[in-house]
Amino acid sequence: MTKLNISMPQELLDEIDAEASELGLTRSGLIQEAAARYVAGARGDREAERKRLSVESAASRMRAIGERCGLTGDAAQIVAETRAAEDSRHG
């Protein structure tokens, strides 16, 4: 296992030590757990943002297609109107 030296305010170190003691962990164990959770959370946040942007982009493209076809509204409305038009042509 790699060792490292870090600097932090004494107050934060005191809080880390108190929390580690409360949880029955070592200082090192608590910092490892906290870092792992942070990295996983940050990775998850980035993935969620990528998905949100992808959905937003798709909705924008759908609106543009709908506008070219004379439809207005949000993506769900455009899909519903398109399906209704298709159903009326085939029904």
N, C-alpha and C. Protein backbone atom coordinates (compact mmCIF):
# COMPACT_ATOMS: atom_id res chain seq x y z
N MET A 1 0.85 -1.17 0.00
CA MET A 1 0.00 0.00 0.00
C MET A 1 0.90 1.24 0.00
N THR A 2 0.51 2.23 -0.75
CA THR A 2 1.28 3.46 -0.86
C THR A 2 0.98 4.38 0.31
N LYS A 3 1.97 5.03 0.81
CA LYS A 3 1.80 6.01 1.88
C LYS A 3 1.92 7.40 1.26
N LEU A 4 1.25 8.37 1.88
CA LEU A 4 1.36 9.74 1.41
C LEU A 4 1.27 10.69 2.58
N ASN A 5 1.76 11.88 2.36
CA ASN A 5 1.67 12.95 3.35
C ASN A 5 0.73 14.00 2.80
N ILE A 6 -0.19 14.44 3.64
CA ILE A 6 -1.11 15.50 3.23
C ILE A 6 -1.16 16.56 4.33
N SER A 7 -1.58 17.74 3.95
CA SER A 7 -1.75 18.83 4.92
C SER A 7 -3.23 19.15 5.00
N MET A 8 -3.69 19.43 6.21
CA MET A 8 -5.08 19.84 6.41
C MET A 8 -5.19 20.61 7.72
N PRO A 9 -6.24 21.39 7.85
CA PRO A 9 -6.43 22.14 9.10
C PRO A 9 -6.58 21.18 10.29
N GLN A 10 -6.06 21.59 11.41
CA GLN A 10 -6.11 20.76 12.62
C GLN A 10 -7.56 20.43 12.99
N GLU A 11 -8.46 21.39 12.81
CA GLU A 11 -9.87 21.17 13.16
C GLU A 11 -10.46 20.02 12.34
N LEU A 12 -10.12 19.95 11.07
CA LEU A 12 -10.63 18.86 10.22
C LEU A 12 -10.03 17.54 10.66
N LEU A 13 -8.76 17.53 10.97
CA LEU A 13 -8.12 16.31 11.44
C LEU A 13 -8.77 15.83 12.74
N ASP A 14 -9.09 16.77 13.63
CA ASP A 14 -9.77 16.40 14.88
C ASP A 14 -11.13 15.77 14.60
N GLU A 15 -11.86 16.33 13.62
CA GLU A 15 -13.17 15.77 13.25
C GLU A 15 -13.02 14.38 12.64
N ILE A 16 -12.01 14.22 11.80
CA ILE A 16 -11.74 12.91 11.19
C ILE A 16 -11.43 11.89 12.28
N ASP A 17 -10.57 12.24 13.21
CA ASP A 17 -10.22 11.33 14.29
C ASP A 17 -11.43 10.96 15.14
N ALA A 18 -12.27 11.94 15.44
CA ALA A 18 -13.47 11.67 16.25
C ALA A 18 -14.42 10.75 15.50
N GLU A 19 -14.62 10.99 14.22
CA GLU A 19 -15.52 10.16 13.42
C GLU A 19 -14.96 8.75 13.27
N ALA A 20 -13.66 8.64 13.04
CA ALA A 20 -13.03 7.33 12.91
C ALA A 20 -13.20 6.53 14.21
N SER A 21 -13.00 7.20 15.33
CA SER A 21 -13.17 6.54 16.62
C SER A 21 -14.61 6.08 16.82
N GLU A 22 -15.55 6.93 16.46
CA GLU A 22 -16.98 6.61 16.58
C GLU A 22 -17.34 5.38 15.73
N LEU A 23 -16.73 5.26 14.57
CA LEU A 23 -17.04 4.17 13.65
C LEU A 23 -16.16 2.95 13.84
N GLY A 24 -15.18 3.05 14.73
CA GLY A 24 -14.28 1.93 14.97
C GLY A 24 -13.28 1.73 13.84
N LEU A 25 -12.93 2.84 13.19
CA LEU A 25 -11.97 2.79 12.10
C LEU A 25 -10.68 3.51 12.51
N THR A 26 -9.64 3.24 11.77
CA THR A 26 -8.43 4.03 11.94
C THR A 26 -8.59 5.33 11.14
N ARG A 27 -7.76 6.29 11.42
CA ARG A 27 -7.76 7.54 10.65
C ARG A 27 -7.56 7.21 9.17
N SER A 28 -6.58 6.36 8.89
CA SER A 28 -6.28 5.98 7.52
C SER A 28 -7.49 5.30 6.87
N GLY A 29 -8.12 4.41 7.61
CA GLY A 29 -9.30 3.70 7.08
C GLY A 29 -10.44 4.64 6.75
N LEU A 30 -10.67 5.61 7.62
CA LEU A 30 -11.74 6.58 7.36
C LEU A 30 -11.43 7.44 6.14
N ILE A 31 -10.19 7.89 6.03
CA ILE A 31 -9.80 8.71 4.88
C ILE A 31 -9.88 7.90 3.59
N GLN A 32 -9.47 6.63 3.62
CA GLN A 32 -9.59 5.77 2.44
C GLN A 32 -11.05 5.61 2.03
N GLU A 33 -11.91 5.35 3.00
CA GLU A 33 -13.35 5.19 2.72
C GLU A 33 -13.95 6.48 2.16
N ALA A 34 -13.61 7.60 2.78
CA ALA A 34 -14.13 8.88 2.32
C ALA A 34 -13.66 9.19 0.90
N ALA A 35 -12.40 8.93 0.61
CA ALA A 35 -11.86 9.19 -0.73
C ALA A 35 -12.54 8.29 -1.76
N ALA A 36 -12.71 7.01 -1.43
CA ALA A 36 -13.36 6.08 -2.36
C ALA A 36 -14.79 6.50 -2.65
N ARG A 37 -15.51 6.92 -1.61
CA ARG A 37 -16.90 7.37 -1.82
C ARG A 37 -16.94 8.65 -2.65
N TYR A 38 -16.01 9.55 -2.40
CA TYR A 38 -15.96 10.79 -3.18
C TYR A 38 -15.71 10.49 -4.65
N VAL A 39 -14.72 9.65 -4.93
CA VAL A 39 -14.38 9.33 -6.32
C VAL A 39 -15.57 8.66 -7.01
N ALA A 40 -16.21 7.70 -6.35
CA ALA A 40 -17.37 7.03 -6.94
C ALA A 40 -18.51 8.02 -7.18
N GLY A 41 -18.74 8.90 -6.22
CA GLY A 41 -19.81 9.90 -6.37
C GLY A 41 -19.52 10.87 -7.50
N ALA A 42 -18.28 11.33 -7.59
CA ALA A 42 -17.91 12.27 -8.65
C ALA A 42 -18.04 11.60 -10.01
N ARG A 43 -17.64 10.36 -10.10
CA ARG A 43 -17.76 9.60 -11.36
C ARG A 43 -19.24 9.45 -11.73
N GLY A 44 -20.06 9.11 -10.75
CA GLY A 44 -21.50 8.98 -10.97
C GLY A 44 -22.14 10.29 -11.39
N ASP A 45 -21.71 11.39 -10.76
CA ASP A 45 -22.24 12.71 -11.13
C ASP A 45 -21.90 13.06 -12.57
N ARG A 46 -20.67 12.76 -12.98
CA ARG A 46 -20.26 13.05 -14.37
C ARG A 46 -21.06 12.22 -15.35
N GLU A 47 -21.29 10.94 -15.03
CA GLU A 47 -22.06 10.07 -15.91
C GLU A 47 -23.51 10.55 -16.00
N ALA A 48 -24.08 10.95 -14.88
CA ALA A 48 -25.45 11.46 -14.89
C ALA A 48 -25.54 12.74 -15.72
N GLU A 49 -24.54 13.59 -15.63
CA GLU A 49 -24.54 14.83 -16.42
C GLU A 49 -24.42 14.51 -17.91
N ARG A 50 -23.57 13.53 -18.25
CA ARG A 50 -23.45 13.12 -19.66
C ARG A 50 -24.79 12.61 -20.18
N LYS A 51 -25.48 11.80 -19.39
CA LYS A 51 -26.79 11.29 -19.79
C LYS A 51 -27.80 12.41 -19.93
N ARG A 52 -27.80 13.35 -18.98
CA ARG A 52 -28.73 14.47 -19.04
C ARG A 52 -28.50 15.28 -20.31
N LEU A 53 -27.24 15.56 -20.62
CA LEU A 53 -26.93 16.32 -21.83
C LEU A 53 -27.32 15.56 -23.08
N SER A 54 -27.15 14.26 -23.07
CA SER A 54 -27.53 13.44 -24.22
C SER A 54 -29.04 13.49 -24.44
N VAL A 55 -29.80 13.35 -23.37
CA VAL A 55 -31.26 13.41 -23.47
C VAL A 55 -31.70 14.80 -23.92
N GLU A 56 -31.07 15.82 -23.36
CA GLU A 56 -31.40 17.19 -23.75
C GLU A 56 -31.12 17.42 -25.23
N SER A 57 -30.00 16.91 -25.70
CA SER A 57 -29.64 17.04 -27.11
C SER A 57 -30.63 16.30 -28.00
N ALA A 58 -31.01 15.10 -27.61
CA ALA A 58 -31.98 14.32 -28.39
C ALA A 58 -33.32 15.04 -28.44
N ALA A 59 -33.75 15.59 -27.31
CA ALA A 59 -35.02 16.32 -27.28
C ALA A 59 -34.96 17.54 -28.18
N SER A 60 -33.82 18.21 -28.18
CA SER A 60 -33.66 19.38 -29.03
C SER A 60 -33.73 18.99 -30.50
N ARG A 61 -33.06 17.89 -30.85
CA ARG A 61 -33.12 17.42 -32.24
C ARG A 61 -34.54 17.03 -32.63
N MET A 62 -35.26 16.39 -31.69
CA MET A 62 -36.65 16.01 -31.96
C MET A 62 -37.52 17.24 -32.18
N ARG A 63 -37.30 18.28 -31.38
CA ARG A 63 -38.07 19.51 -31.56
C ARG A 63 -37.80 20.11 -32.94
N ALA A 64 -36.52 20.11 -33.34
CA ALA A 64 -36.16 20.66 -34.65
C ALA A 64 -36.82 19.87 -35.77
N ILE A 65 -36.83 18.55 -35.66
CA ILE A 65 -37.49 17.71 -36.67
C ILE A 65 -38.98 18.00 -36.67
N GLY A 66 -39.55 18.10 -35.48
CA GLY A 66 -40.98 18.39 -35.37
C GLY A 66 -41.33 19.73 -36.00
N GLU A 67 -40.51 20.72 -35.76
CA GLU A 67 -40.77 22.05 -36.33
C GLU A 67 -40.71 22.00 -37.85
N ARG A 68 -39.76 21.23 -38.40
CA ARG A 68 -39.68 21.10 -39.86
C ARG A 68 -40.92 20.39 -40.41
N CYS A 69 -41.55 19.58 -39.58
CA CYS A 69 -42.76 18.85 -40.01
C CYS A 69 -44.03 19.60 -39.62
N GLY A 70 -43.88 20.78 -39.05
CA GLY A 70 -45.04 21.58 -38.66
C GLY A 70 -45.59 21.27 -37.28
N LEU A 71 -44.84 20.51 -36.46
CA LEU A 71 -45.27 20.19 -35.10
C LEU A 71 -44.59 21.15 -34.13
N THR A 72 -45.24 21.47 -33.06
CA THR A 72 -44.63 22.30 -32.02
C THR A 72 -44.86 21.63 -30.67
N GLY A 73 -44.02 21.95 -29.72
CA GLY A 73 -44.19 21.41 -28.37
C GLY A 73 -42.97 20.64 -27.94
N ASP A 74 -43.12 19.95 -26.79
CA ASP A 74 -41.98 19.20 -26.28
C ASP A 74 -41.89 17.84 -26.98
N ALA A 75 -40.83 17.13 -26.72
CA ALA A 75 -40.55 15.88 -27.41
C ALA A 75 -41.68 14.86 -27.21
N ALA A 76 -42.19 14.73 -26.00
CA ALA A 76 -43.25 13.76 -25.74
C ALA A 76 -44.50 14.11 -26.54
N GLN A 77 -44.81 15.38 -26.61
CA GLN A 77 -45.97 15.83 -27.37
C GLN A 77 -45.76 15.56 -28.86
N ILE A 78 -44.57 15.82 -29.35
CA ILE A 78 -44.26 15.58 -30.76
C ILE A 78 -44.42 14.09 -31.09
N VAL A 79 -43.90 13.23 -30.23
CA VAL A 79 -44.02 11.79 -30.45
C VAL A 79 -45.48 11.39 -30.45
N ALA A 80 -46.25 11.90 -29.48
CA ALA A 80 -47.68 11.56 -29.42
C ALA A 80 -48.41 12.03 -30.67
N GLU A 81 -48.12 13.24 -31.12
CA GLU A 81 -48.78 13.75 -32.32
C GLU A 81 -48.39 12.95 -33.56
N THR A 82 -47.12 12.59 -33.64
CA THR A 82 -46.65 11.80 -34.77
C THR A 82 -47.30 10.43 -34.79
N ARG A 83 -47.39 9.80 -33.63
CA ARG A 83 -48.04 8.48 -33.54
C ARG A 83 -49.52 8.59 -33.90
N ALA A 84 -50.17 9.62 -33.41
CA ALA A 84 -51.59 9.80 -33.72
C ALA A 84 -51.79 9.98 -35.23
N ALA A 85 -50.91 10.76 -35.86
CA ALA A 85 -51.01 10.96 -37.30
C ALA A 85 -50.80 9.65 -38.03
N GLU A 86 -49.81 8.86 -37.60
CA GLU A 86 -49.55 7.57 -38.23
C GLU A 86 -50.73 6.64 -38.05
N ASP A 87 -51.30 6.60 -36.85
CA ASP A 87 -52.44 5.74 -36.57
C ASP A 87 -53.64 6.11 -37.45
N SER A 88 -53.87 7.40 -37.65
CA SER A 88 -55.01 7.83 -38.45
C SER A 88 -54.81 7.47 -39.93
N ARG A 89 -53.56 7.43 -40.37
CA ARG A 89 -53.28 7.05 -41.75
C ARG A 89 -53.44 5.55 -41.95
N HIS A 90 -53.16 4.77 -40.90
CA HIS A 90 -53.22 3.31 -41.02
C HIS A 90 -54.50 2.72 -40.41
N GLY A 91 -55.31 3.53 -39.83
CA GLY A 91 -56.45 3.01 -39.09
C GLY A 91 -57.71 3.21 -39.75
